[in-house]
Amino acid sequence: MQSQFVHNEWIESYDPTIEDSYRTQVNVDSRPVVLEILDTAGTEQFVAMRDLYMKTGQGFLLVFSITSASSLAELAGLRDEIIRIKDDEKVPIVICGNKADLEDQRSVPRTKGFSISQRWGVPYYESSARTKTNVDEVFVDLCRQMLRRDDASETYPEDSDRFDPYSYKYYKDKGNSERRVIRIRIVRVVSFCDIARRQLIGSQVTAAG
C-alpha cells in the first residue's frame, strides 16, 4: 500500500521479515508535509522492535484483510497496545480494510469494519493496494488528524533543536513559522493473521510450482 502511495507501484510479493520505510513530501490542504512511513514486520519475533516503532510513531494505520475475519479481530489488541505504549487514547488512527479488489472472497462485512470504527471514533476505509483504491485517501486522512493535533498544540516538546529544519523553533527564529514543513511519522501495522495467511498461500503456490 505504501509503495503505491509513494511510488505509484504495486508490489505483489511481501516479505514479513523486513521493516520497510518510506519517505516522501506531500501537500495536505496546501501545507507541505514530510511523511515518514514505517511498515512494521508482521511476525511475532519482531514484537520488541514494533513496540519501539509504536512509541516513536505519531499516527497509526491499522490494516486488515477483508478476506480474513481473524485479521480484523486482531486489530483490537493492536489498538490497545498502541494506546498503552503512547499513553494516549486519542492517538491518530485509521482503520483500513485492504484487498477491496477481492470482493468475491470477502469474509468481513463492510458494516462490521464501520461499526468498529464508530465505536473507536476513528475513520474507516476499504482500499486496494493493487488498484490504488482509497490508498491516497487513507494517508491524507491520517495526516490531517496529525496536523490538527500539531495546530492545537501550544508546546513543541520534540522541537528542541533550533537548527532542525523541521522544528518549530527553526522557523519561528526566522519569523515565518507559518511556512514550517511538518514532519510526520506514520506506522503501518498489519495484523499477524493476515501475514500468516499470505505466507501459507505463498508456500502453497511454491509447492504447486
C-alpha atoms as a PDB file:
ATOM      1  CA  MET A   1       0.000   0.000   0.000  1.00  0.00           C
ATOM      2  CA  GLN A   2       2.709   2.481   0.959  1.00  0.00           C
ATOM      3  CA  SER A   3       4.604   1.657  -2.229  1.00  0.00           C
ATOM      4  CA  GLN A   4       1.528   2.656  -4.233  1.00  0.00           C
ATOM      5  CA  PHE A   5       1.237   5.902  -2.283  1.00  0.00           C
ATOM      6  CA  VAL A   6       4.894   6.885  -2.620  1.00  0.00           C
ATOM      7  CA  HIS A   7       5.971   5.289  -5.922  1.00  0.00           C
ATOM      8  CA  ASN A   8       2.705   4.529  -7.736  1.00  0.00           C
ATOM      9  CA  GLU A   9       3.594   0.862  -7.968  1.00  0.00           C
ATOM     10  CA  TRP A  10       2.086  -2.325  -6.600  1.00  0.00           C
ATOM     11  CA  ILE A  11       4.360  -4.982  -5.146  1.00  0.00           C
ATOM     12  CA  GLU A  12       2.655  -8.369  -5.139  1.00  0.00           C
ATOM     13  CA  SER A  13       5.197 -10.252  -3.022  1.00  0.00           C
ATOM     14  CA  TYR A  14       5.508  -9.369   0.654  1.00  0.00           C
ATOM     15  CA  ASP A  15       8.396 -10.290   2.947  1.00  0.00           C
ATOM     16  CA  PRO A  16       7.235 -10.099   6.591  1.00  0.00           C
ATOM     17  CA  THR A  17      10.804 -10.377   7.876  1.00  0.00           C
ATOM     18  CA  ILE A  18      11.652  -6.882   6.642  1.00  0.00           C
ATOM     19  CA  GLU A  19      10.634  -3.495   8.043  1.00  0.00           C
ATOM     20  CA  ASP A  20      10.216  -1.170   5.084  1.00  0.00           C
ATOM     21  CA  SER A  21      10.430   2.581   5.482  1.00  0.00           C
ATOM     22  CA  TYR A  22       9.363   5.219   3.006  1.00  0.00           C
ATOM     23  CA  ARG A  23       9.865   8.967   2.940  1.00  0.00           C
ATOM     24  CA  THR A  24       8.097  11.452   0.722  1.00  0.00           C
ATOM     25  CA  GLN A  25       6.944  15.069   0.706  1.00  0.00           C
ATOM     26  CA  VAL A  26       3.281  15.765   0.014  1.00  0.00           C
ATOM     27  CA  ASN A  27       0.919  18.711   0.263  1.00  0.00           C
ATOM     28  CA  VAL A  28      -2.056  18.256   2.569  1.00  0.00           C
ATOM     29  CA  ASP A  29      -4.579  21.084   2.296  1.00  0.00           C
ATOM     30  CA  SER A  30      -1.842  23.248   0.750  1.00  0.00           C
ATOM     31  CA  ARG A  31       0.549  22.522   3.628  1.00  0.00           C
ATOM     32  CA  PRO A  32       3.916  20.845   2.937  1.00  0.00           C
ATOM     33  CA  VAL A  33       4.384  17.639   4.892  1.00  0.00           C
ATOM     34  CA  VAL A  34       7.437  15.385   5.001  1.00  0.00           C
ATOM     35  CA  LEU A  35       5.895  11.980   5.559  1.00  0.00           C
ATOM     36  CA  GLU A  36       7.849   9.065   7.008  1.00  0.00           C
ATOM     37  CA  ILE A  37       6.010   5.757   6.671  1.00  0.00           C
ATOM     38  CA  LEU A  38       7.234   2.726   8.576  1.00  0.00           C
ATOM     39  CA  ASP A  39       5.793  -0.651   7.659  1.00  0.00           C
ATOM     40  CA  THR A  40       6.271  -2.947  10.629  1.00  0.00           C
ATOM     41  CA  ALA A  41       7.011  -6.611  10.060  1.00  0.00           C
ATOM     42  CA  GLY A  42       4.089  -8.848  10.852  1.00  0.00           C
ATOM     43  CA  THR A  43       5.831 -11.775  12.508  1.00  0.00           C
ATOM     44  CA  GLU A  44       5.879 -12.208  16.244  1.00  0.00           C
ATOM     45  CA  GLN A  45       9.662 -12.229  16.604  1.00  0.00           C
ATOM     46  CA  PHE A  46       9.627  -8.513  15.769  1.00  0.00           C
ATOM     47  CA  VAL A  47       7.284  -7.526  18.596  1.00  0.00           C
ATOM     48  CA  ALA A  48      10.016  -5.717  20.573  1.00  0.00           C
ATOM     49  CA  MET A  49      11.000  -3.623  17.566  1.00  0.00           C
ATOM     50  CA  ARG A  50       7.358  -2.973  16.743  1.00  0.00           C
ATOM     51  CA  ASP A  51       6.824  -1.597  20.250  1.00  0.00           C
ATOM     52  CA  LEU A  52       9.696   0.818  19.673  1.00  0.00           C
ATOM     53  CA  TYR A  53       8.149   1.999  16.428  1.00  0.00           C
ATOM     54  CA  MET A  54       4.805   2.444  18.154  1.00  0.00           C
ATOM     55  CA  LYS A  55       6.495   4.619  20.762  1.00  0.00           C
ATOM     56  CA  THR A  56       8.054   6.920  18.164  1.00  0.00           C
ATOM     57  CA  GLY A  57       5.152   6.926  15.705  1.00  0.00           C
ATOM     58  CA  GLN A  58       2.710   9.828  15.596  1.00  0.00           C
ATOM     59  CA  GLY A  59      -0.118   8.195  13.672  1.00  0.00           C
ATOM     60  CA  PHE A  60      -1.127   4.606  13.017  1.00  0.00           C
ATOM     61  CA  LEU A  61      -2.678   2.821  10.080  1.00  0.00           C
ATOM     62  CA  LEU A  62      -4.249  -0.438  11.258  1.00  0.00           C
ATOM     63  CA  VAL A  63      -4.570  -2.766   8.285  1.00  0.00           C
ATOM     64  CA  PHE A  64      -6.561  -5.966   7.980  1.00  0.00           C
ATOM     65  CA  SER A  65      -7.760  -8.010   5.019  1.00  0.00           C
ATOM     66  CA  ILE A  66     -11.439  -8.049   4.097  1.00  0.00           C
ATOM     67  CA  THR A  67     -10.862 -11.704   3.153  1.00  0.00           C
ATOM     68  CA  SER A  68      -9.829 -12.656   6.707  1.00  0.00           C
ATOM     69  CA  ALA A  69     -12.151 -12.221   9.686  1.00  0.00           C
ATOM     70  CA  SER A  70      -9.358 -13.205  12.083  1.00  0.00           C
ATOM     71  CA  SER A  71      -7.190 -10.323  10.867  1.00  0.00           C
ATOM     72  CA  LEU A  72      -9.943  -7.859  11.809  1.00  0.00           C
ATOM     73  CA  ALA A  73     -10.374  -9.480  15.234  1.00  0.00           C
ATOM     74  CA  GLU A  74      -6.700  -8.905  15.949  1.00  0.00           C
ATOM     75  CA  LEU A  75      -6.926  -5.130  15.492  1.00  0.00           C
ATOM     76  CA  ALA A  76      -8.476  -4.560  18.927  1.00  0.00           C
ATOM     77  CA  GLY A  77      -5.365  -5.918  20.654  1.00  0.00           C
ATOM     78  CA  LEU A  78      -3.092  -3.844  18.406  1.00  0.00           C
ATOM     79  CA  ARG A  79      -5.053  -0.690  19.183  1.00  0.00           C
ATOM     80  CA  ASP A  80      -4.904  -1.396  22.924  1.00  0.00           C
ATOM     81  CA  GLU A  81      -1.152  -1.883  22.641  1.00  0.00           C
ATOM     82  CA  ILE A  82      -0.720   1.422  20.820  1.00  0.00           C
ATOM     83  CA  ILE A  83      -2.781   3.288  23.422  1.00  0.00           C
ATOM     84  CA  ARG A  84      -0.794   1.648  26.231  1.00  0.00           C
ATOM     85  CA  ILE A  85       2.573   2.498  24.693  1.00  0.00           C
ATOM     86  CA  LYS A  86       1.599   6.040  23.701  1.00  0.00           C
ATOM     87  CA  ASP A  87      -0.421   6.623  26.893  1.00  0.00           C
ATOM     88  CA  ASP A  88      -2.904   8.481  24.725  1.00  0.00           C
ATOM     89  CA  GLU A  89      -6.441   7.312  23.958  1.00  0.00           C
ATOM     90  CA  LYS A  90      -6.802   9.924  21.210  1.00  0.00           C
ATOM     91  CA  VAL A  91      -3.735   8.974  19.196  1.00  0.00           C
ATOM     92  CA  PRO A  92      -4.457   9.396  15.433  1.00  0.00           C
ATOM     93  CA  ILE A  93      -5.597   6.074  13.953  1.00  0.00           C
ATOM     94  CA  VAL A  94      -7.187   5.000  10.688  1.00  0.00           C
ATOM     95  CA  ILE A  95      -8.617   1.516  10.146  1.00  0.00           C
ATOM     96  CA  CYS A  96      -8.111   0.121   6.674  1.00  0.00           C
ATOM     97  CA  GLY A  97      -9.708  -2.979   5.205  1.00  0.00           C
ATOM     98  CA  ASN A  98      -7.298  -3.913   2.422  1.00  0.00           C
ATOM     99  CA  LYS A  99      -7.833  -6.141  -0.650  1.00  0.00           C
ATOM    100  CA  ALA A 100     -11.079  -4.439  -1.646  1.00  0.00           C
ATOM    101  CA  ASP A 101     -10.474  -5.774  -5.156  1.00  0.00           C
ATOM    102  CA  LEU A 102     -11.179  -9.302  -3.861  1.00  0.00           C
ATOM    103  CA  GLU A 103     -14.881  -8.723  -3.264  1.00  0.00           C
ATOM    104  CA  ASP A 104     -15.729 -12.281  -4.269  1.00  0.00           C
ATOM    105  CA  GLN A 105     -13.548 -13.541  -1.400  1.00  0.00           C
ATOM    106  CA  ARG A 106     -14.876 -11.124   1.223  1.00  0.00           C
ATOM    107  CA  SER A 107     -15.426 -12.617   4.681  1.00  0.00           C
ATOM    108  CA  VAL A 108     -15.670  -9.336   6.632  1.00  0.00           C
ATOM    109  CA  PRO A 109     -18.884  -7.360   6.011  1.00  0.00           C
ATOM    110  CA  ARG A 110     -18.308  -3.687   5.328  1.00  0.00           C
ATOM    111  CA  THR A 111     -20.716  -2.865   8.144  1.00  0.00           C
ATOM    112  CA  LYS A 112     -18.538  -4.794  10.626  1.00  0.00           C
ATOM    113  CA  GLY A 113     -15.470  -2.665   9.949  1.00  0.00           C
ATOM    114  CA  PHE A 114     -17.536   0.510  10.010  1.00  0.00           C
ATOM    115  CA  SER A 115     -19.145  -0.469  13.319  1.00  0.00           C
ATOM    116  CA  ILE A 116     -15.723  -0.933  14.942  1.00  0.00           C
ATOM    117  CA  SER A 117     -14.517   2.412  13.602  1.00  0.00           C
ATOM    118  CA  GLN A 118     -17.609   4.122  15.040  1.00  0.00           C
ATOM    119  CA  ARG A 119     -17.018   2.510  18.417  1.00  0.00           C
ATOM    120  CA  TRP A 120     -13.384   3.641  18.457  1.00  0.00           C
ATOM    121  CA  GLY A 121     -14.142   7.053  16.982  1.00  0.00           C
ATOM    122  CA  VAL A 122     -11.721   6.667  14.062  1.00  0.00           C
ATOM    123  CA  PRO A 123     -12.131   6.732  10.255  1.00  0.00           C
ATOM    124  CA  TYR A 124     -12.649   3.533   8.271  1.00  0.00           C
ATOM    125  CA  TYR A 125     -11.657   2.896   4.663  1.00  0.00           C
ATOM    126  CA  GLU A 126     -11.642  -0.084   2.378  1.00  0.00           C
ATOM    127  CA  SER A 127      -8.732   0.015  -0.031  1.00  0.00           C
ATOM    128  CA  SER A 128      -6.889  -1.961  -2.650  1.00  0.00           C
ATOM    129  CA  ALA A 129      -3.138  -1.799  -2.971  1.00  0.00           C
ATOM    130  CA  ARG A 130      -3.488  -3.484  -6.346  1.00  0.00           C
ATOM    131  CA  THR A 131      -5.824  -0.876  -7.874  1.00  0.00           C
ATOM    132  CA  LYS A 132      -4.816   2.031  -5.588  1.00  0.00           C
ATOM    133  CA  THR A 133      -8.414   2.440  -4.463  1.00  0.00           C
ATOM    134  CA  ASN A 134      -8.508   4.778  -1.417  1.00  0.00           C
ATOM    135  CA  VAL A 135      -4.748   4.483  -0.907  1.00  0.00           C
ATOM    136  CA  ASP A 136      -4.092   8.234  -1.098  1.00  0.00           C
ATOM    137  CA  GLU A 137      -7.206   8.975   0.938  1.00  0.00           C
ATOM    138  CA  VAL A 138      -6.057   6.761   3.826  1.00  0.00           C
ATOM    139  CA  PHE A 139      -2.714   8.505   4.249  1.00  0.00           C
ATOM    140  CA  VAL A 140      -4.107  12.013   3.713  1.00  0.00           C
ATOM    141  CA  ASP A 141      -6.808  11.441   6.349  1.00  0.00           C
ATOM    142  CA  LEU A 142      -4.186  10.320   8.857  1.00  0.00           C
ATOM    143  CA  CYS A 143      -2.021  13.347   8.007  1.00  0.00           C
ATOM    144  CA  ARG A 144      -4.969  15.666   8.609  1.00  0.00           C
ATOM    145  CA  GLN A 145      -5.546  14.181  12.047  1.00  0.00           C
ATOM    146  CA  MET A 146      -1.923  14.786  12.986  1.00  0.00           C
ATOM    147  CA  LEU A 147      -1.877  18.299  11.536  1.00  0.00           C
ATOM    148  CA  ARG A 148      -4.909  19.187  13.671  1.00  0.00           C
ATOM    149  CA  ARG A 149      -3.038  17.958  16.743  1.00  0.00           C
ATOM    150  CA  ASP A 150       0.001  19.968  15.694  1.00  0.00           C
ATOM    151  CA  ASP A 151      -2.108  23.107  15.271  1.00  0.00           C
ATOM    152  CA  ALA A 152      -3.793  22.636  18.652  1.00  0.00           C
ATOM    153  CA  SER A 153      -0.510  22.111  20.489  1.00  0.00           C
ATOM    154  CA  GLU A 154       0.836  25.096  22.387  1.00  0.00           C
ATOM    155  CA  THR A 155       4.190  23.445  23.003  1.00  0.00           C
ATOM    156  CA  TYR A 156       6.539  21.501  20.784  1.00  0.00           C
ATOM    157  CA  PRO A 157       8.421  19.119  23.094  1.00  0.00           C
ATOM    158  CA  GLU A 158      10.109  17.280  20.219  1.00  0.00           C
ATOM    159  CA  ASP A 159      11.280  20.514  18.551  1.00  0.00           C
ATOM    160  CA  SER A 160      14.227  21.109  20.858  1.00  0.00           C
ATOM    161  CA  ASP A 161      16.762  21.811  18.121  1.00  0.00           C
ATOM    162  CA  ARG A 162      16.530  25.340  16.724  1.00  0.00           C
ATOM    163  CA  PHE A 163      18.763  24.208  13.841  1.00  0.00           C
ATOM    164  CA  ASP A 164      16.467  21.342  12.834  1.00  0.00           C
ATOM    165  CA  PRO A 165      14.831  22.473   9.554  1.00  0.00           C
ATOM    166  CA  TYR A 166      11.606  20.700  10.563  1.00  0.00           C
ATOM    167  CA  SER A 167      11.380  22.232  14.027  1.00  0.00           C
ATOM    168  CA  TYR A 168       9.021  24.967  15.123  1.00  0.00           C
ATOM    169  CA  LYS A 169      11.899  26.913  16.680  1.00  0.00           C
ATOM    170  CA  TYR A 170      13.844  26.884  13.409  1.00  0.00           C
ATOM    171  CA  TYR A 171      11.037  28.615  11.531  1.00  0.00           C
ATOM    172  CA  LYS A 172       9.996  30.849  14.437  1.00  0.00           C
ATOM    173  CA  ASP A 173      13.522  32.227  14.723  1.00  0.00           C
ATOM    174  CA  LYS A 174      13.338  33.100  11.033  1.00  0.00           C
ATOM    175  CA  GLY A 175       9.985  34.837  11.513  1.00  0.00           C
ATOM    176  CA  ASN A 176       7.982  32.554   9.232  1.00  0.00           C
ATOM    177  CA  SER A 177       6.683  29.766  11.445  1.00  0.00           C
ATOM    178  CA  GLU A 178       3.507  29.558   9.343  1.00  0.00           C
ATOM    179  CA  ARG A 179       5.629  28.131   6.493  1.00  0.00           C
ATOM    180  CA  ARG A 180       7.025  25.291   8.566  1.00  0.00           C
ATOM    181  CA  VAL A 181       7.300  21.942   6.793  1.00  0.00           C
ATOM    182  CA  ILE A 182       5.675  19.420   9.107  1.00  0.00           C
ATOM    183  CA  ARG A 183       7.424  16.097   9.628  1.00  0.00           C
ATOM    184  CA  ILE A 184       5.038  13.218  10.331  1.00  0.00           C
ATOM    185  CA  ARG A 185       5.828   9.584  11.108  1.00  0.00           C
ATOM    186  CA  ILE A 186       3.144   7.022  10.319  1.00  0.00           C
ATOM    187  CA  VAL A 187       3.421   3.420  11.456  1.00  0.00           C
ATOM    188  CA  ARG A 188       1.549   0.879   9.348  1.00  0.00           C
ATOM    189  CA  VAL A 189       0.603  -2.111  11.481  1.00  0.00           C
ATOM    190  CA  VAL A 190      -0.516  -5.266   9.679  1.00  0.00           C
ATOM    191  CA  SER A 191      -2.234  -7.992  11.671  1.00  0.00           C
ATOM    192  CA  PHE A 192      -0.301 -11.233  12.258  1.00  0.00           C
ATOM    193  CA  CYS A 193      -3.252 -13.249  10.956  1.00  0.00           C
ATOM    194  CA  ASP A 194      -3.157 -11.579   7.568  1.00  0.00           C
ATOM    195  CA  ILE A 195       0.612 -12.105   7.293  1.00  0.00           C
ATOM    196  CA  ALA A 196       0.322 -15.770   8.264  1.00  0.00           C
ATOM    197  CA  ARG A 197      -2.386 -16.271   5.659  1.00  0.00           C
ATOM    198  CA  ARG A 198      -0.219 -14.720   2.935  1.00  0.00           C
ATOM    199  CA  GLN A 199       2.735 -16.885   3.946  1.00  0.00           C
ATOM    200  CA  LEU A 200       0.551 -20.008   3.740  1.00  0.00           C
ATOM    201  CA  ILE A 201      -0.751 -19.060   0.293  1.00  0.00           C
ATOM    202  CA  GLY A 202       2.788 -18.301  -0.857  1.00  0.00           C
ATOM    203  CA  SER A 203       4.059 -21.679   0.345  1.00  0.00           C
ATOM    204  CA  GLN A 204       1.192 -23.448  -1.387  1.00  0.00           C
ATOM    205  CA  VAL A 205       1.954 -21.675  -4.654  1.00  0.00           C
ATOM    206  CA  THR A 206       5.638 -22.589  -4.346  1.00  0.00           C
ATOM    207  CA  ALA A 207       4.812 -26.216  -3.631  1.00  0.00           C
ATOM    208  CA  ALA A 208       2.405 -26.351  -6.558  1.00  0.00           C
ATOM    209  CA  GLY A 209       5.090 -24.945  -8.856  1.00  0.00           C
END
